[in-house]
Amino acid sequence: MHISEYLKPTRFIESDAPSIKKTAQLIAGDKKDVPEIAKALFYFIRDEIKYSVYVPKLREQDNKATEVLRRRKGYCVQKAVLLVALARASGIPARLRFADIINFKVPKHILKMRKGDRLFVYHGYAELFIEGKWVKVAPVFNLNICKKHGIIPVEFDGRNDAILPEKDIYGNPYIKYVKDRGSFIDLPLDEIIRERKRLQKVADFYEELMKEKEGCYGN
């Protein structure tokens, strides 16, 4: 696929939407250097878009870049979708990438809901095309979450891979990447839902829990 394809808007990655374009311009400011723009976008997603598992995940609208931006929170896949959209709006080719991971520091209440399962299928992050190469970036957990759970924050210099670390701040096991799911030009939502249901994951449970906690999908 030609690199220019990774600049185009798609069903979920609405890089041509006014709110996405405006936000990308505000974040970039007067920066001209691609790595610096990419770095600014990364930190916006990491720290300004709150990480939460208590968000709707199953409907198309829930996962669109414009909705994630409006909601100002999302889980890993949704944060990656928004980063890819902002990157494309900034003229940086970008795509989604997925992997199955084992998280050794799952909070107890989440682990209980998952019946002790630490495997997360289709963990989502982004790939940005910078200076002739694809760079992996995972702007998942904001600083407050990292401090609370003893996690080393993911830092991005604009040029090199920035993914979840293998160890926490104490040197204990944190993240293990166990299966690469490949790269995608758009969000394969149906595939993700199908695989999670096949493996009896808890996407449906999170959906019901979110509705119970917040009363509606829109807030």
N, C-alpha and C. Protein backbone atom coordinates (compact mmCIF):
# COMPACT_ATOMS: atom_id res chain seq x y z
N MET A 1 0.84 -1.20 0.00
CA MET A 1 0.00 0.00 0.00
C MET A 1 0.88 1.25 0.00
N HIS A 2 0.55 2.20 -0.86
CA HIS A 2 1.35 3.43 -0.94
C HIS A 2 1.20 4.24 0.34
N ILE A 3 2.27 4.89 0.73
CA ILE A 3 2.29 5.64 1.99
C ILE A 3 1.20 6.71 2.05
N SER A 4 0.80 7.23 0.90
CA SER A 4 -0.22 8.28 0.87
C SER A 4 -1.58 7.78 1.37
N GLU A 5 -1.80 6.47 1.30
CA GLU A 5 -3.06 5.91 1.78
C GLU A 5 -3.22 6.12 3.29
N TYR A 6 -2.10 6.25 3.97
CA TYR A 6 -2.13 6.41 5.43
C TYR A 6 -2.31 7.87 5.86
N LEU A 7 -2.64 8.70 4.89
CA LEU A 7 -2.99 10.09 5.18
C LEU A 7 -4.48 10.35 4.99
N LYS A 8 -5.19 9.37 4.46
CA LYS A 8 -6.59 9.56 4.11
C LYS A 8 -7.52 9.28 5.29
N PRO A 9 -8.64 9.99 5.36
CA PRO A 9 -9.65 9.70 6.39
C PRO A 9 -10.33 8.37 6.10
N THR A 10 -10.79 7.72 7.15
CA THR A 10 -11.50 6.46 7.02
C THR A 10 -12.75 6.50 7.90
N ARG A 11 -13.42 5.38 7.95
CA ARG A 11 -14.68 5.27 8.70
C ARG A 11 -14.52 5.70 10.16
N PHE A 12 -13.46 5.27 10.81
CA PHE A 12 -13.24 5.60 12.21
C PHE A 12 -12.22 6.72 12.39
N ILE A 13 -11.24 6.77 11.51
CA ILE A 13 -10.16 7.75 11.63
C ILE A 13 -10.54 8.98 10.80
N GLU A 14 -11.33 9.84 11.39
CA GLU A 14 -11.94 10.97 10.67
C GLU A 14 -10.99 12.17 10.64
N SER A 15 -9.89 12.00 9.96
CA SER A 15 -8.85 13.04 9.95
C SER A 15 -9.27 14.30 9.21
N ASP A 16 -10.36 14.22 8.47
CA ASP A 16 -10.86 15.40 7.76
C ASP A 16 -11.96 16.12 8.52
N ALA A 17 -12.34 15.64 9.69
CA ALA A 17 -13.40 16.27 10.48
C ALA A 17 -12.91 17.61 11.03
N PRO A 18 -13.75 18.63 11.04
CA PRO A 18 -13.33 19.96 11.53
C PRO A 18 -12.73 19.94 12.93
N SER A 19 -13.34 19.19 13.84
CA SER A 19 -12.83 19.17 15.22
C SER A 19 -11.45 18.53 15.30
N ILE A 20 -11.21 17.53 14.47
CA ILE A 20 -9.91 16.86 14.44
C ILE A 20 -8.86 17.79 13.84
N LYS A 21 -9.19 18.42 12.74
CA LYS A 21 -8.25 19.32 12.07
C LYS A 21 -7.90 20.51 12.97
N LYS A 22 -8.90 21.07 13.62
CA LYS A 22 -8.66 22.21 14.50
C LYS A 22 -7.78 21.82 15.68
N THR A 23 -8.07 20.67 16.27
CA THR A 23 -7.27 20.21 17.41
C THR A 23 -5.83 19.95 17.00
N ALA A 24 -5.65 19.33 15.84
CA ALA A 24 -4.30 19.06 15.35
C ALA A 24 -3.51 20.35 15.15
N GLN A 25 -4.18 21.36 14.62
CA GLN A 25 -3.52 22.66 14.40
C GLN A 25 -3.14 23.31 15.72
N LEU A 26 -4.03 23.23 16.70
CA LEU A 26 -3.75 23.83 18.01
C LEU A 26 -2.58 23.14 18.70
N ILE A 27 -2.52 21.83 18.58
CA ILE A 27 -1.44 21.08 19.22
C ILE A 27 -0.10 21.37 18.55
N ALA A 28 -0.10 21.42 17.24
CA ALA A 28 1.14 21.64 16.50
C ALA A 28 1.65 23.06 16.68
N GLY A 29 0.74 24.02 16.77
CA GLY A 29 1.15 25.41 16.92
C GLY A 29 2.03 25.85 15.77
N ASP A 30 3.18 26.41 16.08
CA ASP A 30 4.09 26.86 15.03
C ASP A 30 5.20 25.84 14.75
N LYS A 31 5.04 24.63 15.24
CA LYS A 31 6.05 23.58 14.99
C LYS A 31 6.03 23.18 13.52
N LYS A 32 7.19 22.99 12.93
CA LYS A 32 7.30 22.57 11.54
C LYS A 32 7.96 21.20 11.42
N ASP A 33 8.75 20.84 12.42
CA ASP A 33 9.50 19.59 12.42
C ASP A 33 8.56 18.42 12.73
N VAL A 34 8.53 17.41 11.85
CA VAL A 34 7.61 16.29 12.01
C VAL A 34 7.79 15.57 13.35
N PRO A 35 9.01 15.24 13.78
CA PRO A 35 9.15 14.60 15.09
C PRO A 35 8.59 15.43 16.24
N GLU A 36 8.75 16.74 16.18
CA GLU A 36 8.23 17.60 17.25
C GLU A 36 6.70 17.62 17.24
N ILE A 37 6.11 17.64 16.06
CA ILE A 37 4.65 17.59 15.97
C ILE A 37 4.14 16.25 16.49
N ALA A 38 4.80 15.17 16.07
CA ALA A 38 4.41 13.83 16.53
C ALA A 38 4.51 13.72 18.04
N LYS A 39 5.56 14.27 18.59
CA LYS A 39 5.77 14.25 20.04
C LYS A 39 4.66 15.00 20.76
N ALA A 40 4.29 16.16 20.25
CA ALA A 40 3.22 16.96 20.86
C ALA A 40 1.88 16.23 20.80
N LEU A 41 1.61 15.57 19.68
CA LEU A 41 0.37 14.81 19.55
C LEU A 41 0.34 13.66 20.55
N PHE A 42 1.46 12.98 20.69
CA PHE A 42 1.56 11.86 21.64
C PHE A 42 1.21 12.30 23.06
N TYR A 43 1.82 13.38 23.50
CA TYR A 43 1.60 13.81 24.89
C TYR A 43 0.18 14.35 25.10
N PHE A 44 -0.40 14.91 24.06
CA PHE A 44 -1.80 15.33 24.16
C PHE A 44 -2.69 14.11 24.41
N ILE A 45 -2.49 13.06 23.63
CA ILE A 45 -3.30 11.86 23.80
C ILE A 45 -3.01 11.20 25.14
N ARG A 46 -1.76 11.09 25.50
CA ARG A 46 -1.40 10.41 26.75
C ARG A 46 -2.01 11.08 27.97
N ASP A 47 -1.90 12.41 28.03
CA ASP A 47 -2.25 13.11 29.27
C ASP A 47 -3.57 13.87 29.25
N GLU A 48 -4.04 14.25 28.08
CA GLU A 48 -5.27 15.04 28.01
C GLU A 48 -6.50 14.18 27.70
N ILE A 49 -6.29 13.01 27.14
CA ILE A 49 -7.39 12.08 26.90
C ILE A 49 -7.30 11.00 27.98
N LYS A 50 -8.19 11.07 28.94
CA LYS A 50 -8.13 10.19 30.11
C LYS A 50 -8.30 8.73 29.72
N TYR A 51 -7.45 7.89 30.30
CA TYR A 51 -7.61 6.45 30.08
C TYR A 51 -8.73 5.93 30.97
N SER A 52 -9.61 5.13 30.38
CA SER A 52 -10.70 4.53 31.15
C SER A 52 -11.18 3.26 30.46
N VAL A 53 -11.41 2.22 31.26
CA VAL A 53 -12.03 1.02 30.72
C VAL A 53 -13.55 1.14 30.78
N TYR A 54 -14.04 2.13 31.53
CA TYR A 54 -15.48 2.31 31.68
C TYR A 54 -16.04 3.22 30.60
N VAL A 55 -15.78 2.85 29.37
CA VAL A 55 -16.30 3.59 28.23
C VAL A 55 -16.99 2.59 27.30
N PRO A 56 -17.98 3.04 26.54
CA PRO A 56 -18.62 2.15 25.58
C PRO A 56 -17.64 1.76 24.48
N LYS A 57 -17.71 0.50 24.05
CA LYS A 57 -16.73 -0.01 23.10
C LYS A 57 -17.33 -0.71 21.88
N LEU A 58 -18.59 -1.09 21.95
CA LEU A 58 -19.12 -2.01 20.95
C LEU A 58 -19.77 -1.35 19.74
N ARG A 59 -20.23 -0.13 19.86
CA ARG A 59 -20.90 0.53 18.75
C ARG A 59 -19.90 1.28 17.89
N GLU A 60 -20.22 1.45 16.63
CA GLU A 60 -19.34 2.18 15.72
C GLU A 60 -19.08 3.59 16.23
N GLN A 61 -20.12 4.30 16.62
CA GLN A 61 -19.97 5.69 17.04
C GLN A 61 -19.05 5.84 18.25
N ASP A 62 -19.07 4.85 19.13
CA ASP A 62 -18.24 4.91 20.34
C ASP A 62 -16.76 4.97 20.03
N ASN A 63 -16.35 4.48 18.88
CA ASN A 63 -14.95 4.31 18.55
C ASN A 63 -14.43 5.28 17.50
N LYS A 64 -15.25 6.20 17.06
CA LYS A 64 -14.81 7.18 16.08
C LYS A 64 -13.92 8.23 16.74
N ALA A 65 -12.96 8.72 15.99
CA ALA A 65 -12.01 9.70 16.53
C ALA A 65 -12.71 10.94 17.08
N THR A 66 -13.72 11.42 16.38
CA THR A 66 -14.42 12.62 16.83
C THR A 66 -15.13 12.40 18.16
N GLU A 67 -15.65 11.20 18.36
CA GLU A 67 -16.35 10.90 19.61
C GLU A 67 -15.36 10.76 20.77
N VAL A 68 -14.22 10.15 20.51
CA VAL A 68 -13.19 10.03 21.56
C VAL A 68 -12.70 11.42 21.96
N LEU A 69 -12.51 12.30 20.98
CA LEU A 69 -12.09 13.67 21.27
C LEU A 69 -13.16 14.41 22.06
N ARG A 70 -14.41 14.25 21.68
CA ARG A 70 -15.51 14.92 22.40
C ARG A 70 -15.61 14.41 23.83
N ARG A 71 -15.46 13.12 24.00
CA ARG A 71 -15.62 12.48 25.31
C ARG A 71 -14.42 12.74 26.22
N ARG A 72 -13.26 12.93 25.59
CA ARG A 72 -11.99 13.19 26.29
C ARG A 72 -11.56 12.03 27.18
N LYS A 73 -11.98 10.84 26.83
CA LYS A 73 -11.51 9.64 27.51
C LYS A 73 -11.74 8.43 26.62
N GLY A 74 -10.98 7.38 26.90
CA GLY A 74 -11.10 6.17 26.11
C GLY A 74 -10.12 5.12 26.59
N TYR A 75 -10.28 3.92 26.07
CA TYR A 75 -9.30 2.88 26.40
C TYR A 75 -8.25 2.84 25.29
N CYS A 76 -7.30 1.91 25.37
CA CYS A 76 -6.12 1.96 24.49
C CYS A 76 -6.46 2.07 23.01
N VAL A 77 -7.42 1.29 22.54
CA VAL A 77 -7.77 1.31 21.12
C VAL A 77 -8.31 2.67 20.71
N GLN A 78 -9.19 3.22 21.51
CA GLN A 78 -9.80 4.51 21.17
C GLN A 78 -8.78 5.64 21.21
N LYS A 79 -7.86 5.60 22.16
CA LYS A 79 -6.81 6.62 22.21
C LYS A 79 -5.90 6.51 20.99
N ALA A 80 -5.64 5.29 20.55
CA ALA A 80 -4.83 5.09 19.35
C ALA A 80 -5.55 5.61 18.10
N VAL A 81 -6.84 5.37 18.02
CA VAL A 81 -7.63 5.88 16.88
C VAL A 81 -7.53 7.39 16.80
N LEU A 82 -7.66 8.06 17.93
CA LEU A 82 -7.59 9.53 17.92
C LEU A 82 -6.19 10.01 17.56
N LEU A 83 -5.16 9.36 18.06
CA LEU A 83 -3.80 9.76 17.71
C LEU A 83 -3.56 9.61 16.22
N VAL A 84 -4.00 8.52 15.64
CA VAL A 84 -3.82 8.31 14.20
C VAL A 84 -4.56 9.38 13.41
N ALA A 85 -5.76 9.72 13.83
CA ALA A 85 -6.53 10.76 13.15
C ALA A 85 -5.83 12.11 13.22
N LEU A 86 -5.33 12.47 14.39
CA LEU A 86 -4.64 13.75 14.55
C LEU A 86 -3.34 13.77 13.75
N ALA A 87 -2.65 12.64 13.70
CA ALA A 87 -1.41 12.57 12.93
C ALA A 87 -1.70 12.77 11.44
N ARG A 88 -2.69 12.07 10.92
CA ARG A 88 -3.03 12.23 9.51
C ARG A 88 -3.47 13.65 9.20
N ALA A 89 -4.22 14.25 10.11
CA ALA A 89 -4.64 15.64 9.92
C ALA A 89 -3.45 16.58 9.92
N SER A 90 -2.34 16.15 10.52
CA SER A 90 -1.12 16.96 10.59
C SER A 90 -0.16 16.65 9.45
N GLY A 91 -0.58 15.76 8.54
CA GLY A 91 0.28 15.41 7.42
C GLY A 91 1.27 14.31 7.71
N ILE A 92 1.08 13.60 8.81
CA ILE A 92 1.96 12.49 9.18
C ILE A 92 1.25 11.18 8.87
N PRO A 93 1.77 10.35 7.97
CA PRO A 93 1.14 9.06 7.71
C PRO A 93 1.07 8.25 9.01
N ALA A 94 -0.07 7.62 9.23
CA ALA A 94 -0.26 6.90 10.49
C ALA A 94 -1.22 5.74 10.30
N ARG A 95 -1.07 4.73 11.14
CA ARG A 95 -1.94 3.56 11.09
C ARG A 95 -2.06 2.95 12.48
N LEU A 96 -3.01 2.05 12.61
CA LEU A 96 -3.22 1.34 13.87
C LEU A 96 -2.43 0.04 13.89
N ARG A 97 -2.00 -0.35 15.06
CA ARG A 97 -1.36 -1.66 15.23
C ARG A 97 -1.92 -2.31 16.49
N PHE A 98 -1.98 -3.64 16.44
CA PHE A 98 -2.57 -4.37 17.56
C PHE A 98 -1.68 -5.53 17.99
N ALA A 99 -1.76 -5.85 19.26
CA ALA A 99 -1.03 -6.98 19.81
C ALA A 99 -1.79 -7.54 21.00
N ASP A 100 -1.61 -8.81 21.26
CA ASP A 100 -2.13 -9.41 22.48
C ASP A 100 -1.05 -9.27 23.55
N ILE A 101 -1.44 -8.82 24.72
CA ILE A 101 -0.47 -8.61 25.79
C ILE A 101 -0.94 -9.26 27.09
N ILE A 102 0.01 -9.58 27.94
CA ILE A 102 -0.29 -10.00 29.31
C ILE A 102 0.10 -8.84 30.22
N ASN A 103 -0.84 -8.41 31.03
CA ASN A 103 -0.61 -7.31 31.97
C ASN A 103 -0.51 -7.90 33.38
N PHE A 104 0.69 -7.84 33.96
CA PHE A 104 0.91 -8.42 35.28
C PHE A 104 0.49 -7.49 36.41
N LYS A 105 0.05 -6.26 36.07
CA LYS A 105 -0.34 -5.30 37.10
C LYS A 105 -1.80 -4.85 36.92
N VAL A 106 -2.64 -5.75 36.48
CA VAL A 106 -4.06 -5.43 36.35
C VAL A 106 -4.61 -5.11 37.74
N PRO A 107 -5.29 -3.96 37.91
CA PRO A 107 -5.89 -3.65 39.21
C PRO A 107 -6.81 -4.76 39.68
N LYS A 108 -6.88 -4.95 40.98
CA LYS A 108 -7.61 -6.08 41.55
C LYS A 108 -9.07 -6.12 41.12
N HIS A 109 -9.72 -4.93 41.08
CA HIS A 109 -11.15 -4.93 40.74
C HIS A 109 -11.37 -5.31 39.27
N ILE A 110 -10.41 -4.93 38.41
CA ILE A 110 -10.51 -5.31 37.00
C ILE A 110 -10.21 -6.80 36.85
N LEU A 111 -9.21 -7.27 37.58
CA LEU A 111 -8.85 -8.69 37.51
C LEU A 111 -10.01 -9.56 37.98
N LYS A 112 -10.73 -9.09 38.98
CA LYS A 112 -11.89 -9.84 39.47
C LYS A 112 -12.96 -9.92 38.40
N MET A 113 -13.20 -8.80 37.72
CA MET A 113 -14.21 -8.79 36.66
C MET A 113 -13.80 -9.71 35.51
N ARG A 114 -12.49 -9.84 35.31
CA ARG A 114 -11.98 -10.67 34.22
C ARG A 114 -11.75 -12.12 34.66
N LYS A 115 -12.20 -12.44 35.87
CA LYS A 115 -12.09 -13.80 36.40
C LYS A 115 -10.63 -14.27 36.41
N GLY A 116 -9.73 -13.34 36.75
CA GLY A 116 -8.33 -13.68 36.89
C GLY A 116 -7.53 -13.68 35.61
N ASP A 117 -8.16 -13.34 34.50
CA ASP A 117 -7.48 -13.38 33.20
C ASP A 117 -6.67 -12.11 32.97
N ARG A 118 -5.37 -12.26 32.75
CA ARG A 118 -4.49 -11.12 32.51
C ARG A 118 -4.19 -10.90 31.03
N LEU A 119 -4.72 -11.73 30.17
CA LEU A 119 -4.47 -11.59 28.73
C LEU A 119 -5.45 -10.59 28.12
N PHE A 120 -4.91 -9.60 27.43
CA PHE A 120 -5.71 -8.61 26.72
C PHE A 120 -5.47 -8.77 25.23
N VAL A 121 -6.51 -9.18 24.50
CA VAL A 121 -6.36 -9.33 23.05
C VAL A 121 -6.64 -8.00 22.36
N TYR A 122 -5.95 -7.78 21.26
CA TYR A 122 -6.10 -6.55 20.48
C TYR A 122 -5.84 -5.29 21.31
N HIS A 123 -4.78 -5.32 22.10
CA HIS A 123 -4.29 -4.06 22.68
C HIS A 123 -3.93 -3.15 21.51
N GLY A 124 -4.42 -1.91 21.56
CA GLY A 124 -4.21 -1.01 20.43
C GLY A 124 -3.19 0.08 20.69
N TYR A 125 -2.38 0.35 19.68
CA TYR A 125 -1.47 1.48 19.72
C TYR A 125 -1.33 2.03 18.31
N ALA A 126 -0.47 2.99 18.12
CA ALA A 126 -0.35 3.66 16.82
C ALA A 126 1.03 3.47 16.23
N GLU A 127 1.10 3.60 14.91
CA GLU A 127 2.38 3.66 14.21
C GLU A 127 2.39 4.93 13.37
N LEU A 128 3.42 5.73 13.53
CA LEU A 128 3.58 6.97 12.79
C LEU A 128 4.78 6.85 11.86
N PHE A 129 4.63 7.34 10.64
CA PHE A 129 5.72 7.27 9.66
C PHE A 129 6.56 8.54 9.79
N ILE A 130 7.73 8.39 10.41
CA ILE A 130 8.58 9.53 10.73
C ILE A 130 9.98 9.30 10.19
N GLU A 131 10.45 10.23 9.39
CA GLU A 131 11.81 10.18 8.84
C GLU A 131 12.10 8.84 8.16
N GLY A 132 11.12 8.39 7.37
CA GLY A 132 11.33 7.20 6.55
C GLY A 132 11.10 5.86 7.21
N LYS A 133 10.56 5.84 8.42
CA LYS A 133 10.32 4.55 9.09
C LYS A 133 9.06 4.62 9.95
N TRP A 134 8.48 3.45 10.18
CA TRP A 134 7.32 3.36 11.06
C TRP A 134 7.77 3.29 12.51
N VAL A 135 7.18 4.15 13.32
CA VAL A 135 7.53 4.24 14.74
C VAL A 135 6.30 3.86 15.57
N LYS A 136 6.48 2.94 16.51
CA LYS A 136 5.39 2.48 17.36
C LYS A 136 5.24 3.38 18.59
N VAL A 137 4.01 3.80 18.86
CA VAL A 137 3.77 4.65 20.02
C VAL A 137 2.49 4.22 20.74
N ALA A 138 2.57 4.14 22.06
CA ALA A 138 1.44 3.70 22.87
C ALA A 138 1.13 4.74 23.94
N PRO A 139 0.29 5.72 23.62
CA PRO A 139 -0.05 6.80 24.57
C PRO A 139 -1.19 6.41 25.49
N VAL A 140 -1.06 5.28 26.16
CA VAL A 140 -2.20 4.69 26.86
C VAL A 140 -2.49 5.35 28.20
N PHE A 141 -1.56 5.23 29.13
CA PHE A 141 -1.83 5.65 30.51
C PHE A 141 -1.28 7.04 30.81
N ASN A 142 -2.14 7.90 31.31
CA ASN A 142 -1.72 9.25 31.69
C ASN A 142 -0.89 9.18 32.98
N LEU A 143 -0.23 10.28 33.30
CA LEU A 143 0.72 10.29 34.41
C LEU A 143 0.10 9.91 35.75
N ASN A 144 -1.12 10.37 36.00
CA ASN A 144 -1.76 10.07 37.28
C ASN A 144 -1.93 8.57 37.50
N ILE A 145 -2.34 7.87 36.44
CA ILE A 145 -2.50 6.42 36.54
C ILE A 145 -1.15 5.76 36.78
N CYS A 146 -0.13 6.22 36.07
CA CYS A 146 1.21 5.65 36.23
C CYS A 146 1.71 5.81 37.66
N LYS A 147 1.53 6.99 38.22
CA LYS A 147 1.98 7.24 39.59
C LYS A 147 1.20 6.38 40.59
N LYS A 148 -0.08 6.27 40.38
CA LYS A 148 -0.93 5.52 41.30
C LYS A 148 -0.57 4.04 41.34
N HIS A 149 -0.20 3.49 40.17
CA HIS A 149 0.02 2.04 40.08
C HIS A 149 1.49 1.64 39.95
N GLY A 150 2.39 2.61 40.11
CA GLY A 150 3.81 2.26 40.04
C GLY A 150 4.27 1.87 38.65
N ILE A 151 3.70 2.52 37.65
CA ILE A 151 4.02 2.21 36.26
C ILE A 151 5.00 3.25 35.71
N ILE A 152 5.96 2.80 34.94
CA ILE A 152 6.87 3.73 34.27
C ILE A 152 6.12 4.38 33.11
N PRO A 153 5.98 5.71 33.10
CA PRO A 153 5.26 6.37 32.00
C PRO A 153 5.96 6.14 30.66
N VAL A 154 5.18 5.96 29.63
CA VAL A 154 5.75 5.86 28.29
C VAL A 154 6.13 7.26 27.82
N GLU A 155 7.38 7.44 27.45
CA GLU A 155 7.87 8.73 26.96
C GLU A 155 8.23 8.60 25.49
N PHE A 156 8.02 9.67 24.73
CA PHE A 156 8.25 9.64 23.29
C PHE A 156 9.12 10.81 22.88
N ASP A 157 10.21 10.52 22.16
CA ASP A 157 11.12 11.58 21.72
C ASP A 157 10.83 12.05 20.30
N GLY A 158 9.76 11.51 19.69
CA GLY A 158 9.40 11.91 18.35
C GLY A 158 10.04 11.10 17.25
N ARG A 159 10.95 10.19 17.62
CA ARG A 159 11.68 9.44 16.60
C ARG A 159 11.76 7.93 16.85
N ASN A 160 11.72 7.52 18.09
CA ASN A 160 11.93 6.11 18.42
C ASN A 160 10.70 5.48 19.06
N ASP A 161 10.60 4.16 18.94
CA ASP A 161 9.46 3.43 19.49
C ASP A 161 9.21 3.78 20.95
N ALA A 162 7.93 3.89 21.30
CA ALA A 162 7.54 4.20 22.68
C ALA A 162 6.34 3.33 23.03
N ILE A 163 6.63 2.12 23.52
CA ILE A 163 5.55 1.18 23.86
C ILE A 163 5.58 0.86 25.35
N LEU A 164 4.59 0.13 25.80
CA LEU A 164 4.49 -0.19 27.22
C LEU A 164 5.70 -1.00 27.68
N PRO A 165 6.27 -0.67 28.84
CA PRO A 165 7.50 -1.31 29.30
C PRO A 165 7.29 -2.71 29.87
N GLU A 166 8.35 -3.49 29.86
CA GLU A 166 8.30 -4.85 30.40
C GLU A 166 8.26 -4.87 31.92
N LYS A 167 8.83 -3.85 32.57
CA LYS A 167 8.93 -3.81 34.03
C LYS A 167 8.25 -2.56 34.59
N ASP A 168 7.84 -2.63 35.86
CA ASP A 168 7.31 -1.45 36.52
C ASP A 168 8.45 -0.71 37.22
N ILE A 169 8.14 0.32 37.99
CA ILE A 169 9.20 1.13 38.60
C ILE A 169 9.99 0.36 39.66
N TYR A 170 9.44 -0.76 40.11
CA TYR A 170 10.11 -1.57 41.12
C TYR A 170 10.91 -2.73 40.51
N GLY A 171 10.86 -2.83 39.19
CA GLY A 171 11.56 -3.91 38.52
C GLY A 171 10.76 -5.19 38.40
N ASN A 172 9.49 -5.13 38.76
CA ASN A 172 8.62 -6.30 38.65
C ASN A 172 8.03 -6.41 37.25
N PRO A 173 7.66 -7.62 36.82
CA PRO A 173 7.05 -7.79 35.49
C PRO A 173 5.80 -6.92 35.34
N TYR A 174 5.66 -6.30 34.19
CA TYR A 174 4.50 -5.45 33.93
C TYR A 174 3.77 -5.89 32.67
N ILE A 175 4.39 -5.69 31.49
CA ILE A 175 3.74 -6.02 30.23
C ILE A 175 4.58 -7.03 29.45
N LYS A 176 3.90 -8.03 28.90
CA LYS A 176 4.54 -8.98 27.99
C LYS A 176 3.74 -9.05 26.70
N TYR A 177 4.38 -8.71 25.59
CA TYR A 177 3.74 -8.81 24.28
C TYR A 177 3.83 -10.26 23.82
N VAL A 178 2.68 -10.88 23.57
CA VAL A 178 2.67 -12.31 23.26
C VAL A 178 2.25 -12.63 21.83
N LYS A 179 1.54 -11.72 21.16
CA LYS A 179 1.13 -11.98 19.78
C LYS A 179 0.92 -10.68 19.03
N ASP A 180 1.58 -10.55 17.89
CA ASP A 180 1.40 -9.37 17.05
C ASP A 180 0.21 -9.59 16.13
N ARG A 181 -0.73 -8.67 16.13
CA ARG A 181 -1.93 -8.78 15.28
C ARG A 181 -1.79 -7.99 13.98
N GLY A 182 -0.69 -7.27 13.82
CA GLY A 182 -0.46 -6.56 12.57
C GLY A 182 -0.97 -5.13 12.56
N SER A 183 -0.79 -4.50 11.40
CA SER A 183 -1.16 -3.09 11.23
C SER A 183 -2.41 -2.96 10.37
N PHE A 184 -3.16 -1.88 10.61
CA PHE A 184 -4.43 -1.66 9.92
C PHE A 184 -4.58 -0.19 9.55
N ILE A 185 -5.14 0.05 8.38
CA ILE A 185 -5.37 1.43 7.95
C ILE A 185 -6.58 2.03 8.66
N ASP A 186 -7.48 1.17 9.13
CA ASP A 186 -8.66 1.61 9.88
C ASP A 186 -8.94 0.62 11.01
N LEU A 187 -9.83 0.97 11.90
CA LEU A 187 -10.14 0.13 13.04
C LEU A 187 -10.95 -1.10 12.62
N PRO A 188 -10.44 -2.31 12.84
CA PRO A 188 -11.19 -3.53 12.51
C PRO A 188 -12.14 -3.91 13.65
N LEU A 189 -13.12 -3.08 13.90
CA LEU A 189 -13.96 -3.24 15.09
C LEU A 189 -14.66 -4.59 15.14
N ASP A 190 -15.24 -5.01 14.02
CA ASP A 190 -15.95 -6.28 14.01
C ASP A 190 -15.02 -7.44 14.34
N GLU A 191 -13.82 -7.38 13.80
CA GLU A 191 -12.83 -8.43 14.05
C GLU A 191 -12.43 -8.47 15.53
N ILE A 192 -12.25 -7.30 16.11
CA ILE A 192 -11.87 -7.21 17.52
C ILE A 192 -12.97 -7.78 18.41
N ILE A 193 -14.20 -7.37 18.17
CA ILE A 193 -15.32 -7.84 18.98
C ILE A 193 -15.49 -9.35 18.82
N ARG A 194 -15.38 -9.83 17.59
CA ARG A 194 -15.54 -11.27 17.33
C ARG A 194 -14.47 -12.08 18.07
N GLU A 195 -13.23 -11.62 18.03
CA GLU A 195 -12.16 -12.36 18.69
C GLU A 195 -12.29 -12.32 20.21
N ARG A 196 -12.69 -11.18 20.74
CA ARG A 196 -12.85 -11.09 22.20
C ARG A 196 -13.99 -11.98 22.68
N LYS A 197 -15.05 -12.03 21.91
CA LYS A 197 -16.16 -12.90 22.29
C LYS A 197 -15.77 -14.36 22.15
N ARG A 198 -14.99 -14.68 21.11
CA ARG A 198 -14.55 -16.06 20.92
C ARG A 198 -13.72 -16.53 22.11
N LEU A 199 -12.90 -15.64 22.62
CA LEU A 199 -12.05 -15.98 23.76
C LEU A 199 -12.74 -15.70 25.09
N GLN A 200 -14.04 -15.39 25.00
CA GLN A 200 -14.86 -15.14 26.19
C GLN A 200 -14.30 -14.01 27.04
N LYS A 201 -13.94 -12.92 26.35
CA LYS A 201 -13.48 -11.73 27.06
C LYS A 201 -14.68 -10.96 27.58
N VAL A 202 -14.43 -9.81 28.19
CA VAL A 202 -15.48 -9.14 28.94
C VAL A 202 -15.91 -7.81 28.32
N ALA A 203 -15.83 -7.70 27.00
CA ALA A 203 -16.27 -6.46 26.37
C ALA A 203 -17.73 -6.17 26.68
N ASP A 204 -18.56 -7.22 26.62
CA ASP A 204 -19.98 -7.02 26.91
C ASP A 204 -20.19 -6.62 28.37
N PHE A 205 -19.41 -7.22 29.25
CA PHE A 205 -19.54 -6.90 30.66
C PHE A 205 -19.18 -5.45 30.92
N TYR A 206 -18.08 -4.98 30.32
CA TYR A 206 -17.68 -3.58 30.49
C TYR A 206 -18.78 -2.65 29.98
N GLU A 207 -19.40 -3.05 28.88
CA GLU A 207 -20.48 -2.24 28.31
C GLU A 207 -21.63 -2.09 29.30
N GLU A 208 -22.03 -3.21 29.88
CA GLU A 208 -23.12 -3.17 30.85
C GLU A 208 -22.72 -2.42 32.11
N LEU A 209 -21.49 -2.61 32.54
CA LEU A 209 -21.01 -1.93 33.73
C LEU A 209 -20.99 -0.42 33.52
N MET A 210 -20.53 0.00 32.33
CA MET A 210 -20.48 1.43 32.03
C MET A 210 -21.88 2.03 32.07
N LYS A 211 -22.85 1.35 31.48
CA LYS A 211 -24.22 1.86 31.49
C LYS A 211 -24.76 1.94 32.92
N GLU A 212 -24.41 0.96 33.72
CA GLU A 212 -24.86 0.93 35.10
C GLU A 212 -24.26 2.08 35.90
N LYS A 213 -22.97 2.38 35.64
CA LYS A 213 -22.27 3.43 36.38
C LYS A 213 -22.71 4.83 35.96
N GLU A 214 -22.89 5.02 34.64
CA GLU A 214 -23.09 6.36 34.13
C GLU A 214 -24.49 6.62 33.60
N GLY A 215 -25.25 5.57 33.37
CA GLY A 215 -26.64 5.75 33.00
C GLY A 215 -26.89 5.95 31.53
N CYS A 216 -25.86 6.26 30.76
CA CYS A 216 -26.05 6.46 29.32
C CYS A 216 -24.72 6.32 28.62
N TYR A 217 -24.75 6.29 27.31
CA TYR A 217 -23.53 6.14 26.53
C TYR A 217 -22.82 7.46 26.30
N GLY A 218 -23.51 8.54 26.36
CA GLY A 218 -22.94 9.80 25.88
C GLY A 218 -22.08 10.55 26.86
N ASN A 219 -21.99 10.16 28.11
CA ASN A 219 -21.26 10.94 29.10
C ASN A 219 -20.08 10.15 29.69
